[in-house]
Amino acid sequence: MHKNHHSHFIRVLSLIGGSLALATWLLWLSLGGLRAETAVTDFGYGFNVAAWDVSRLQAMGFNWMKVFNGPGSRLPVNILLRVDANAGHFNNLSAFGDSVAALAQSQKGFVDAYEIGNEPNLDASYGWTAAPNAADYAALLCEAYGRIKAIDPNARVISAGLAPTGRVTGNWNGHPGHNGLYQDEREFFKEFIAAGGGNCLDGVGYHPYGFSADFDAAPDIYSADSTQNCVNGFCFRGTEKIYEIMQTNGLGGKIVWATEFGWIVNPPANCLSDPGWQGRQWQIVSEQKQADNLVGAFEYAAANWPWMEAMFIFNLNFNQAGYVTCEQMRYYSVQGRPAEAALTAMPKVTAPKVGELAVSPSTVAAMITRSQPPFTQTVPIQLQNVGTAVFTYTAVLTPGSLAPTLSGSSSAPISPTASAWLTVTIASSGRPTGTYTAWLTITATSGTTNAPTTIPLNLFIVDQIHKVYLPVVKRP
């Protein structure tokens, strides 16, 4: 955040190797990862957290948690992981990309979205470690985006939440709204889009803190009433100005993630003279006002912003993390304050429950030579429900020039997160050279996503299979 704010702190076919021996078979297609991911469908109710109090989040009806280290296992809430990305990383994009790829590989299936960096329009004391440069940040984001999507195409990639700075005057090295230390977030965002950053994200990150203004204060409007004063965009609805820039610059089809937002409450009286509180006192609201504004913000966004997908309060429990008494982050916390009960009682917007079918593999193929002895191969087929409602599947095998057999239950219900298994057996003896095909079709209860799905079953019989050896290339 700006110095008057705080600084802290989302299915392709694959070739699967098996035995390439001439006596058996050449390849299987699409035996990719058996854990399929589904798209985010519910509105995202999230918290930035110190301690990972998942049970508290669930009890409050929240479905997202923002963390700063990879969880390393699947948690019962969705995870947004903030990835460190700053000017130092820009000096070696390849090394940065390698580290992001390693992270994505280690957290695949555990992390649902990645936020790349933090408040990159701020100076070295905060997000960027150098004078902010939107084009440089866009390059970092695009490097991270490509690396993550290559490993986990279903994970969301969110641009770093921009800090609301107000309207910054001046021009630094040709950058408008820039004083050499930090840049007006709206000018930074325009330069970021011009540099191609909008092509490398699933969602635009923003930090729409409320400051002194109520959740419904209109942006860029002055008022003598501090609860309605948003003359510099210092209010929750300042987000609307970011979306206006998105619409003007061809990103109107993208969504926004508020990866931090909140209101700060009174510390003990002795803290007000602490250097960390200088420039913040005008932002202080009562604990009840904090509660009302947080609930109001979620309700306003859900009712008025179809382009807002997820919102993360800063913060749940930094007041429980052992920070010194006057640490300002403690006073954005909601745990133990009226906001905790108010947010728990707040009705949550959820998407209709829908079953979603995921089938793996999506294609089965084998290759043998005409002179081979009788051939038999058995392939397991996983049917998984990656949706939110139970569905009943039906499997039908349609013979063609190939007549495989099917074992396992041909029809059964599958609950959310559960799987069913079928087995297809392909056999051949004495066939001439050619391509032999059959189909396995999976239908499901009406309304189930990705149903029906048809899996081609192919057997290729050739005169001869040639081995091909690829050269070994040592990476520099």
Protein backbone atom coordinates (compact mmCIF):
# COMPACT_ATOMS: atom_id res chain seq x y z
CA MET A 1 0.00 0.00 0.00
CA HIS A 2 0.84 3.68 -0.28
CA LYS A 3 2.48 5.24 2.77
CA ASN A 4 -0.99 6.26 3.97
CA HIS A 5 -1.99 2.63 3.89
CA HIS A 6 -0.56 -0.72 4.92
CA SER A 7 2.04 -2.66 2.92
CA HIS A 8 1.31 -6.39 3.43
CA PHE A 9 0.50 -8.18 2.26
CA ILE A 10 -7.31 -18.13 -10.53
CA ARG A 11 -7.37 -30.96 -20.21
CA VAL A 12 -5.20 -31.60 -22.87
CA LEU A 13 -4.28 -34.87 -24.51
CA SER A 14 -0.94 -36.15 -23.37
CA LEU A 15 1.27 -38.90 -24.63
CA ILE A 16 1.97 -41.40 -21.92
CA GLY A 17 4.99 -43.59 -22.19
CA GLY A 18 4.74 -47.19 -21.34
CA SER A 19 6.54 -50.21 -22.71
CA LEU A 20 7.44 -49.46 -26.29
CA ALA A 21 8.45 -53.05 -26.96
CA LEU A 22 7.51 -54.36 -30.39
CA ALA A 23 5.87 -57.41 -28.92
CA THR A 24 3.22 -55.42 -27.11
CA TRP A 25 2.18 -51.86 -27.92
CA LEU A 26 3.42 -48.42 -28.85
CA LEU A 27 1.39 -45.83 -27.03
CA TRP A 28 -1.55 -44.82 -24.89
CA LEU A 29 -3.11 -41.42 -25.34
CA SER A 30 -4.42 -39.16 -22.61
CA LEU A 31 -3.67 -41.08 -19.46
CA GLY A 32 -3.11 -37.69 -17.90
CA GLY A 33 -3.61 -36.65 -14.29
CA LEU A 34 -6.57 -38.41 -12.80
CA ARG A 35 -7.50 -35.49 -10.56
CA ALA A 36 -9.49 -33.05 -12.67
CA GLU A 37 -10.05 -29.49 -11.55
CA THR A 38 -13.26 -27.55 -12.01
CA ALA A 39 -13.70 -23.86 -12.66
CA VAL A 40 -14.62 -21.47 -9.86
CA THR A 41 -18.39 -21.10 -9.95
CA ASP A 42 -19.30 -19.66 -6.53
CA PHE A 43 -18.62 -16.08 -5.52
CA GLY A 44 -15.30 -16.09 -3.67
CA TYR A 45 -15.52 -15.21 0.03
CA GLY A 46 -11.95 -15.05 1.24
CA PHE A 47 -9.58 -13.97 3.97
CA ASN A 48 -5.91 -13.14 4.14
CA VAL A 49 -4.72 -15.14 7.15
CA ALA A 50 -1.78 -15.42 9.52
CA ALA A 51 -2.63 -18.75 11.15
CA TRP A 52 -4.37 -21.12 8.73
CA ASP A 53 -7.57 -21.43 10.74
CA VAL A 54 -9.49 -23.40 8.12
CA SER A 55 -12.19 -24.57 10.52
CA ARG A 56 -12.96 -20.97 11.49
CA LEU A 57 -13.22 -19.96 7.83
CA GLN A 58 -15.57 -22.84 7.12
CA ALA A 59 -17.69 -22.03 10.18
CA MET A 60 -18.02 -18.49 8.84
CA GLY A 61 -19.13 -19.80 5.42
CA PHE A 62 -15.99 -18.56 3.65
CA ASN A 63 -14.61 -20.64 0.78
CA TRP A 64 -11.21 -19.06 0.00
CA MET A 65 -8.00 -18.47 1.94
CA LYS A 66 -5.04 -16.36 0.79
CA VAL A 67 -1.67 -17.70 1.94
CA PHE A 68 1.99 -16.87 1.40
CA ASN A 69 3.40 -20.40 1.34
CA GLY A 70 2.23 -23.45 -0.61
CA PRO A 71 -0.02 -25.74 1.44
CA GLY A 72 1.51 -28.96 0.09
CA SER A 73 -1.78 -30.81 0.44
CA ARG A 74 -5.43 -30.38 -0.49
CA LEU A 75 -7.31 -28.24 2.01
CA PRO A 76 -11.11 -28.08 2.34
CA VAL A 77 -11.16 -24.44 1.16
CA ASN A 78 -9.89 -22.91 -2.08
CA ILE A 79 -6.37 -21.49 -1.94
CA LEU A 80 -4.97 -18.26 -3.39
CA LEU A 81 -1.18 -18.30 -3.10
CA ARG A 82 0.72 -15.03 -3.36
CA VAL A 83 3.97 -15.44 -5.27
CA ASP A 84 6.85 -13.06 -4.64
CA ALA A 85 7.59 -11.05 -7.80
CA ASN A 86 9.58 -7.83 -7.81
CA ALA A 87 12.17 -5.82 -9.73
CA GLY A 88 14.97 -8.15 -8.67
CA HIS A 89 13.25 -11.06 -10.39
CA PHE A 90 12.95 -9.06 -13.60
CA ASN A 91 16.73 -9.11 -13.92
CA ASN A 92 16.62 -12.88 -14.56
CA LEU A 93 13.28 -13.83 -16.09
CA SER A 94 14.39 -17.37 -16.86
CA ALA A 95 15.36 -18.12 -13.26
CA PHE A 96 12.15 -16.54 -12.06
CA GLY A 97 10.16 -18.69 -14.47
CA ASP A 98 11.98 -21.81 -13.30
CA SER A 99 11.12 -21.05 -9.68
CA VAL A 100 7.47 -20.43 -10.52
CA ALA A 101 7.32 -23.67 -12.53
CA ALA A 102 8.80 -25.62 -9.63
CA LEU A 103 6.26 -24.06 -7.30
CA ALA A 104 3.34 -24.86 -9.61
CA GLN A 105 4.54 -28.44 -10.00
CA SER A 106 4.83 -28.95 -6.25
CA GLN A 107 1.42 -27.36 -5.55
CA LYS A 108 -0.61 -28.75 -8.45
CA GLY A 109 -3.97 -29.85 -7.13
CA PHE A 110 -3.44 -27.93 -3.89
CA VAL A 111 -3.51 -24.30 -5.09
CA ASP A 112 -6.48 -22.95 -7.03
CA ALA A 113 -5.12 -19.51 -7.92
CA TYR A 114 -1.80 -17.66 -7.91
CA GLU A 115 -1.40 -13.93 -7.30
CA ILE A 116 1.85 -12.83 -8.92
CA GLY A 117 3.45 -10.16 -6.76
CA ASN A 118 2.04 -7.48 -4.50
CA GLU A 119 1.26 -3.81 -5.14
CA PRO A 120 3.83 -3.34 -7.94
CA ASN A 121 2.91 0.33 -8.39
CA LEU A 122 4.61 1.16 -5.08
CA ASP A 123 8.19 2.06 -4.30
CA ALA A 124 11.06 0.01 -2.92
CA SER A 125 9.67 0.14 0.62
CA TYR A 126 6.65 -1.83 -0.49
CA GLY A 127 5.88 -3.94 -3.53
CA TRP A 128 8.42 -3.49 -6.30
CA THR A 129 11.93 -2.86 -4.77
CA ALA A 130 12.64 -0.17 -7.41
CA ALA A 131 10.82 2.67 -9.10
CA PRO A 132 7.65 1.00 -10.40
CA ASN A 133 7.65 0.03 -14.07
CA ALA A 134 4.43 -1.44 -15.44
CA ALA A 135 6.04 -2.96 -18.54
CA ASP A 136 8.64 -4.77 -16.44
CA TYR A 137 5.95 -6.13 -14.15
CA ALA A 138 3.92 -7.25 -17.19
CA ALA A 139 6.94 -9.23 -18.40
CA LEU A 140 7.23 -10.95 -15.02
CA LEU A 141 3.53 -11.74 -14.98
CA CYS A 142 3.61 -13.19 -18.49
CA GLU A 143 6.58 -15.37 -17.61
CA ALA A 144 4.75 -16.70 -14.55
CA TYR A 145 1.49 -17.13 -16.46
CA GLY A 146 3.08 -19.29 -19.16
CA ARG A 147 4.95 -21.44 -16.66
CA ILE A 148 1.91 -22.04 -14.44
CA LYS A 149 -0.50 -22.77 -17.29
CA ALA A 150 1.92 -25.28 -18.84
CA ILE A 151 1.83 -27.28 -15.61
CA ASP A 152 -1.64 -26.58 -14.21
CA PRO A 153 -3.92 -25.08 -16.89
CA ASN A 154 -6.89 -25.01 -14.52
CA ALA A 155 -5.21 -22.78 -11.94
CA ARG A 156 -6.19 -19.11 -12.00
CA VAL A 157 -3.42 -16.54 -12.49
CA ILE A 158 -4.24 -13.17 -10.92
CA SER A 159 -2.20 -10.02 -11.42
CA ALA A 160 -0.75 -8.41 -8.30
CA GLY A 161 -3.27 -6.36 -6.38
CA LEU A 162 -2.67 -2.70 -7.18
CA ALA A 163 -2.45 -0.26 -4.29
CA PRO A 164 -4.78 2.74 -4.37
CA THR A 165 -2.44 5.74 -4.23
CA GLY A 166 -4.83 8.54 -5.13
CA ARG A 167 -4.12 10.81 -8.06
CA VAL A 168 -0.35 11.23 -8.21
CA THR A 169 0.91 14.31 -10.03
CA GLY A 170 4.06 14.65 -12.07
CA ASN A 171 5.81 12.68 -14.76
CA TRP A 172 8.84 10.50 -14.09
CA ASN A 173 10.93 9.28 -17.05
CA GLY A 174 7.91 9.59 -19.32
CA HIS A 175 5.53 7.80 -16.95
CA PRO A 176 2.49 9.90 -16.04
CA GLY A 177 1.22 9.98 -12.48
CA HIS A 178 4.65 8.88 -11.25
CA ASN A 179 6.92 10.65 -8.76
CA GLY A 180 9.85 8.25 -9.01
CA LEU A 181 8.72 6.37 -5.90
CA TYR A 182 5.20 5.25 -6.63
CA GLN A 183 2.72 5.56 -9.48
CA ASP A 184 -0.97 6.35 -9.62
CA GLU A 185 -2.55 2.90 -9.86
CA ARG A 186 -4.78 3.95 -12.76
CA GLU A 187 -1.84 5.21 -14.82
CA PHE A 188 0.20 2.13 -13.92
CA PHE A 189 -2.69 -0.09 -14.98
CA LYS A 190 -3.01 1.65 -18.36
CA GLU A 191 0.71 1.16 -19.01
CA PHE A 192 0.46 -2.45 -17.86
CA ILE A 193 -2.31 -3.13 -20.40
CA ALA A 194 -0.39 -1.33 -23.16
CA ALA A 195 2.58 -3.62 -22.43
CA GLY A 196 0.42 -6.72 -23.00
CA GLY A 197 -0.13 -7.64 -19.36
CA GLY A 198 -3.84 -8.15 -19.93
CA ASN A 199 -3.03 -11.19 -22.10
CA CYS A 200 -1.37 -12.97 -19.18
CA LEU A 201 -4.02 -13.11 -16.49
CA ASP A 202 -7.32 -14.70 -15.58
CA GLY A 203 -8.21 -11.90 -13.20
CA VAL A 204 -7.10 -8.35 -12.39
CA GLY A 205 -5.94 -7.89 -8.81
CA TYR A 206 -6.86 -4.75 -6.88
CA HIS A 207 -6.83 -3.63 -3.22
CA PRO A 208 -10.00 -1.58 -2.71
CA TYR A 209 -9.52 -0.58 0.92
CA GLY A 210 -12.34 1.47 2.40
CA PHE A 211 -10.20 4.06 4.21
CA SER A 212 -12.68 6.29 6.06
CA ALA A 213 -15.47 5.90 3.49
CA ASP A 214 -18.45 3.59 3.83
CA PHE A 215 -18.68 0.66 1.43
CA ASP A 216 -21.22 2.42 -0.81
CA ALA A 217 -19.46 5.79 -1.15
CA ALA A 218 -19.32 6.77 -4.82
CA PRO A 219 -15.80 6.97 -6.28
CA ASP A 220 -14.06 10.27 -7.08
CA ILE A 221 -16.68 12.33 -5.23
CA TYR A 222 -15.74 14.79 -2.51
CA SER A 223 -17.83 15.06 0.63
CA ALA A 224 -17.33 16.89 3.90
CA ASP A 225 -18.73 13.72 5.49
CA SER A 226 -15.73 11.41 5.88
CA THR A 227 -17.93 8.35 5.44
CA GLN A 228 -18.83 9.50 1.91
CA ASN A 229 -15.61 11.23 0.88
CA CYS A 230 -13.88 9.41 -2.00
CA VAL A 231 -12.29 12.36 -3.76
CA ASN A 232 -9.08 10.46 -4.61
CA GLY A 233 -10.63 7.07 -5.17
CA PHE A 234 -9.90 6.14 -1.56
CA CYS A 235 -12.95 3.95 -1.11
CA PHE A 236 -14.17 0.44 -1.80
CA ARG A 237 -16.03 1.46 -4.95
CA GLY A 238 -12.82 2.84 -6.42
CA THR A 239 -12.75 -0.62 -7.97
CA GLU A 240 -15.30 0.62 -10.49
CA LYS A 241 -12.70 2.96 -11.96
CA ILE A 242 -10.35 0.04 -12.51
CA TYR A 243 -13.08 -1.84 -14.33
CA GLU A 244 -13.83 1.23 -16.46
CA ILE A 245 -10.20 1.17 -17.60
CA MET A 246 -10.55 -2.53 -18.37
CA GLN A 247 -13.61 -1.85 -20.52
CA THR A 248 -11.94 1.02 -22.35
CA ASN A 249 -8.85 -1.06 -23.11
CA GLY A 250 -10.39 -4.32 -24.32
CA LEU A 251 -10.42 -6.21 -21.02
CA GLY A 252 -14.11 -5.87 -20.26
CA GLY A 253 -14.51 -9.63 -20.55
CA LYS A 254 -12.02 -10.26 -17.73
CA ILE A 255 -12.90 -10.39 -14.06
CA VAL A 256 -11.54 -8.59 -10.98
CA TRP A 257 -10.26 -10.08 -7.73
CA ALA A 258 -10.09 -7.87 -4.64
CA THR A 259 -7.11 -9.71 -3.15
CA GLU A 260 -7.03 -7.37 -0.12
CA PHE A 261 -9.60 -4.97 1.30
CA GLY A 262 -10.78 -3.86 4.72
CA TRP A 263 -11.24 -1.11 7.27
CA ILE A 264 -8.93 -0.34 10.21
CA VAL A 265 -10.17 0.11 13.79
CA ASN A 266 -8.84 1.98 16.82
CA PRO A 267 -5.67 0.73 18.49
CA PRO A 268 -4.83 1.46 22.13
CA ALA A 269 -4.37 5.19 22.69
CA ASN A 270 -0.60 4.92 23.10
CA CYS A 271 -0.30 3.49 19.56
CA LEU A 272 -1.56 6.65 17.93
CA SER A 273 1.82 8.29 18.50
CA ASP A 274 3.67 5.26 17.10
CA PRO A 275 5.45 6.00 13.80
CA GLY A 276 3.55 3.16 12.12
CA TRP A 277 0.31 5.01 12.69
CA GLN A 278 1.36 8.32 11.21
CA GLY A 279 -0.88 9.15 8.28
CA ARG A 280 -3.40 6.44 9.19
CA GLN A 281 -5.50 8.00 11.88
CA TRP A 282 -7.93 9.56 9.40
CA GLN A 283 -8.83 6.04 8.22
CA ILE A 284 -9.94 4.69 11.61
CA VAL A 285 -13.54 3.45 11.95
CA SER A 286 -15.38 1.92 14.88
CA GLU A 287 -15.48 -1.86 15.26
CA GLN A 288 -19.20 -1.83 14.47
CA LYS A 289 -18.58 0.31 11.38
CA GLN A 290 -15.90 -2.17 10.28
CA ALA A 291 -18.45 -4.98 10.58
CA ASP A 292 -21.16 -3.08 8.71
CA ASN A 293 -18.81 -2.07 5.90
CA LEU A 294 -17.37 -5.54 5.36
CA VAL A 295 -20.81 -7.11 5.12
CA GLY A 296 -22.04 -4.23 2.97
CA ALA A 297 -19.07 -4.57 0.61
CA PHE A 298 -19.77 -8.24 -0.08
CA GLU A 299 -23.47 -7.59 -0.57
CA TYR A 300 -22.83 -4.58 -2.83
CA ALA A 301 -20.35 -6.47 -5.01
CA ALA A 302 -22.55 -9.54 -5.33
CA ALA A 303 -25.53 -7.39 -6.33
CA ASN A 304 -23.81 -4.87 -8.61
CA TRP A 305 -20.51 -6.23 -9.93
CA PRO A 306 -20.92 -9.31 -12.14
CA TRP A 307 -17.26 -8.85 -13.05
CA MET A 308 -16.06 -9.36 -9.45
CA GLU A 309 -15.24 -13.02 -8.80
CA ALA A 310 -13.53 -13.13 -5.42
CA MET A 311 -12.88 -10.79 -2.47
CA PHE A 312 -10.35 -11.31 0.32
CA ILE A 313 -10.65 -9.39 3.57
CA PHE A 314 -7.41 -8.17 5.09
CA ASN A 315 -7.41 -9.85 7.52
CA LEU A 316 -8.84 -12.66 9.63
CA ASN A 317 -6.41 -13.16 12.48
CA PHE A 318 -3.23 -11.08 12.36
CA ASN A 319 -4.28 -9.90 15.83
CA GLN A 320 -3.61 -13.44 17.04
CA ALA A 321 -0.18 -13.75 15.43
CA GLY A 322 2.06 -12.35 18.16
CA TYR A 323 2.81 -9.01 16.56
CA VAL A 324 3.70 -6.11 18.84
CA THR A 325 0.68 -4.30 20.23
CA CYS A 326 0.92 -1.28 17.92
CA GLU A 327 1.48 -3.22 14.67
CA GLN A 328 -1.19 -1.68 12.44
CA MET A 329 -2.06 -4.96 10.68
CA ARG A 330 -3.60 -6.22 13.93
CA TYR A 331 -6.33 -3.60 13.63
CA TYR A 332 -7.62 -4.73 10.27
CA SER A 333 -8.31 -8.14 11.83
CA VAL A 334 -11.87 -9.32 12.42
CA GLN A 335 -11.35 -12.27 14.75
CA GLY A 336 -12.89 -11.52 18.12
CA ARG A 337 -14.50 -8.34 16.85
CA PRO A 338 -18.14 -7.68 15.83
CA ALA A 339 -17.20 -8.25 12.18
CA GLU A 340 -16.57 -11.95 12.80
CA ALA A 341 -20.16 -12.60 13.91
CA ALA A 342 -21.60 -10.29 11.25
CA LEU A 343 -19.70 -12.01 8.43
CA THR A 344 -20.69 -15.42 9.74
CA ALA A 345 -24.36 -14.46 9.72
CA MET A 346 -24.12 -12.79 6.30
CA PRO A 347 -25.97 -14.79 3.58
CA LYS A 348 -23.52 -16.08 0.99
CA VAL A 349 -24.13 -16.09 -2.75
CA THR A 350 -23.54 -19.56 -4.16
CA ALA A 351 -23.92 -21.02 -7.60
CA PRO A 352 -26.54 -23.70 -8.26
CA LYS A 353 -25.18 -27.14 -7.48
CA VAL A 354 -24.24 -28.94 -10.69
CA GLY A 355 -22.53 -32.25 -11.32
CA GLU A 356 -19.48 -32.17 -13.58
CA LEU A 357 -18.10 -35.26 -15.28
CA ALA A 358 -14.36 -35.72 -15.78
CA VAL A 359 -13.18 -38.78 -17.71
CA SER A 360 -9.61 -40.02 -17.90
CA PRO A 361 -8.19 -41.02 -20.29
CA SER A 362 -10.07 -39.18 -23.01
CA THR A 363 -8.68 -41.40 -25.80
CA VAL A 364 -7.31 -44.93 -25.82
CA ALA A 365 -5.01 -46.16 -28.57
CA ALA A 366 -2.63 -49.06 -29.09
CA MET A 367 -0.38 -50.08 -31.96
CA ILE A 368 0.89 -53.55 -32.83
CA THR A 369 2.41 -55.27 -35.85
CA ARG A 370 0.46 -57.63 -38.07
CA SER A 371 2.86 -60.47 -37.29
CA GLN A 372 2.52 -60.22 -33.51
CA PRO A 373 0.88 -63.02 -31.56
CA PRO A 374 -2.67 -62.48 -30.20
CA PHE A 375 -2.86 -59.11 -28.44
CA THR A 376 -4.83 -58.20 -25.32
CA GLN A 377 -4.69 -54.93 -23.39
CA THR A 378 -6.80 -53.81 -20.41
CA VAL A 379 -7.27 -50.11 -19.71
CA PRO A 380 -8.78 -48.56 -16.53
CA ILE A 381 -11.18 -45.66 -17.13
CA GLN A 382 -11.83 -43.21 -14.30
CA LEU A 383 -15.13 -41.32 -14.06
CA GLN A 384 -14.92 -38.48 -11.54
CA ASN A 385 -17.47 -35.99 -10.27
CA VAL A 386 -15.61 -32.67 -9.99
CA GLY A 387 -18.86 -30.72 -9.59
CA THR A 388 -21.06 -29.94 -6.61
CA ALA A 389 -24.09 -32.22 -7.12
CA VAL A 390 -24.48 -35.98 -7.33
CA PHE A 391 -25.16 -37.45 -10.79
CA THR A 392 -25.80 -40.90 -12.22
CA TYR A 393 -23.70 -42.00 -15.17
CA THR A 394 -24.45 -44.63 -17.82
CA ALA A 395 -21.67 -46.23 -19.87
CA VAL A 396 -22.42 -47.69 -23.31
CA LEU A 397 -19.86 -49.49 -25.45
CA THR A 398 -20.44 -49.18 -29.20
CA PRO A 399 -18.48 -51.72 -31.27
CA GLY A 400 -17.20 -50.80 -34.70
CA SER A 401 -14.47 -52.62 -36.55
CA LEU A 402 -13.15 -53.31 -33.05
CA ALA A 403 -15.20 -55.21 -30.46
CA PRO A 404 -13.78 -54.52 -26.98
CA THR A 405 -15.38 -55.64 -23.73
CA LEU A 406 -16.43 -53.51 -20.77
CA SER A 407 -16.37 -54.47 -17.10
CA GLY A 408 -17.47 -52.55 -14.05
CA SER A 409 -20.85 -51.02 -13.27
CA SER A 410 -22.42 -49.64 -16.44
CA SER A 411 -24.62 -47.26 -14.43
CA ALA A 412 -24.23 -45.83 -10.92
CA PRO A 413 -24.43 -42.56 -8.98
CA ILE A 414 -21.26 -40.57 -8.22
CA SER A 415 -21.17 -38.04 -5.38
CA PRO A 416 -19.11 -34.82 -5.58
CA THR A 417 -15.33 -35.54 -5.36
CA ALA A 418 -16.01 -39.29 -5.76
CA SER A 419 -14.96 -41.60 -8.61
CA ALA A 420 -16.11 -44.74 -10.38
CA TRP A 421 -13.92 -47.09 -12.42
CA LEU A 422 -14.59 -49.03 -15.59
CA THR A 423 -12.28 -51.38 -17.45
CA VAL A 424 -12.04 -51.69 -21.24
CA THR A 425 -10.32 -54.71 -22.76
CA ILE A 426 -9.06 -54.63 -26.35
CA ALA A 427 -8.15 -57.95 -28.02
CA SER A 428 -6.98 -58.87 -31.50
CA SER A 429 -5.74 -61.91 -33.39
CA GLY A 430 -4.94 -62.43 -37.04
CA ARG A 431 -6.24 -59.09 -38.36
CA PRO A 432 -4.81 -57.49 -41.49
CA THR A 433 -3.07 -54.12 -41.45
CA GLY A 434 -5.49 -51.26 -40.73
CA THR A 435 -7.19 -49.10 -38.11
CA TYR A 436 -9.87 -50.64 -35.88
CA THR A 437 -12.19 -48.48 -33.80
CA ALA A 438 -14.92 -48.65 -31.18
CA TRP A 439 -16.41 -46.04 -28.83
CA LEU A 440 -17.23 -45.78 -25.14
CA THR A 441 -19.89 -43.16 -24.42
CA ILE A 442 -20.61 -41.89 -20.92
CA THR A 443 -23.93 -40.12 -20.40
CA ALA A 444 -25.12 -38.66 -17.12
CA THR A 445 -28.10 -37.13 -15.35
CA SER A 446 -29.59 -34.17 -17.21
CA GLY A 447 -27.71 -30.96 -16.49
CA THR A 448 -24.38 -32.61 -15.78
CA THR A 449 -21.49 -30.65 -17.26
CA ASN A 450 -19.27 -32.45 -19.81
CA ALA A 451 -21.83 -35.16 -20.45
CA PRO A 452 -22.15 -37.00 -22.71
CA THR A 453 -18.47 -37.76 -23.30
CA THR A 454 -17.28 -40.24 -25.93
CA ILE A 455 -13.91 -41.98 -25.70
CA PRO A 456 -12.54 -43.32 -29.00
CA LEU A 457 -10.92 -46.76 -28.69
CA ASN A 458 -8.39 -47.37 -31.47
CA LEU A 459 -6.17 -50.28 -32.42
CA PHE A 460 -3.60 -49.63 -35.16
CA ILE A 461 -2.12 -52.68 -36.90
CA VAL A 462 0.92 -51.98 -39.04
CA ASP A 463 3.48 -53.99 -40.94
CA GLN A 464 6.42 -52.77 -38.90
CA ILE A 465 7.14 -50.43 -35.99
CA HIS A 466 10.35 -48.44 -36.17
CA LYS A 467 12.10 -47.28 -33.05
CA VAL A 468 13.05 -43.61 -32.99
CA TYR A 469 15.67 -42.27 -30.59
CA LEU A 470 15.58 -38.57 -29.76
CA PRO A 471 18.88 -36.74 -29.21
CA VAL A 472 19.83 -35.81 -25.69
CA VAL A 473 20.21 -32.04 -25.40
CA LYS A 474 21.94 -30.64 -22.37
CA ARG A 475 20.30 -27.49 -21.12
CA PRO A 476 22.75 -24.59 -20.92
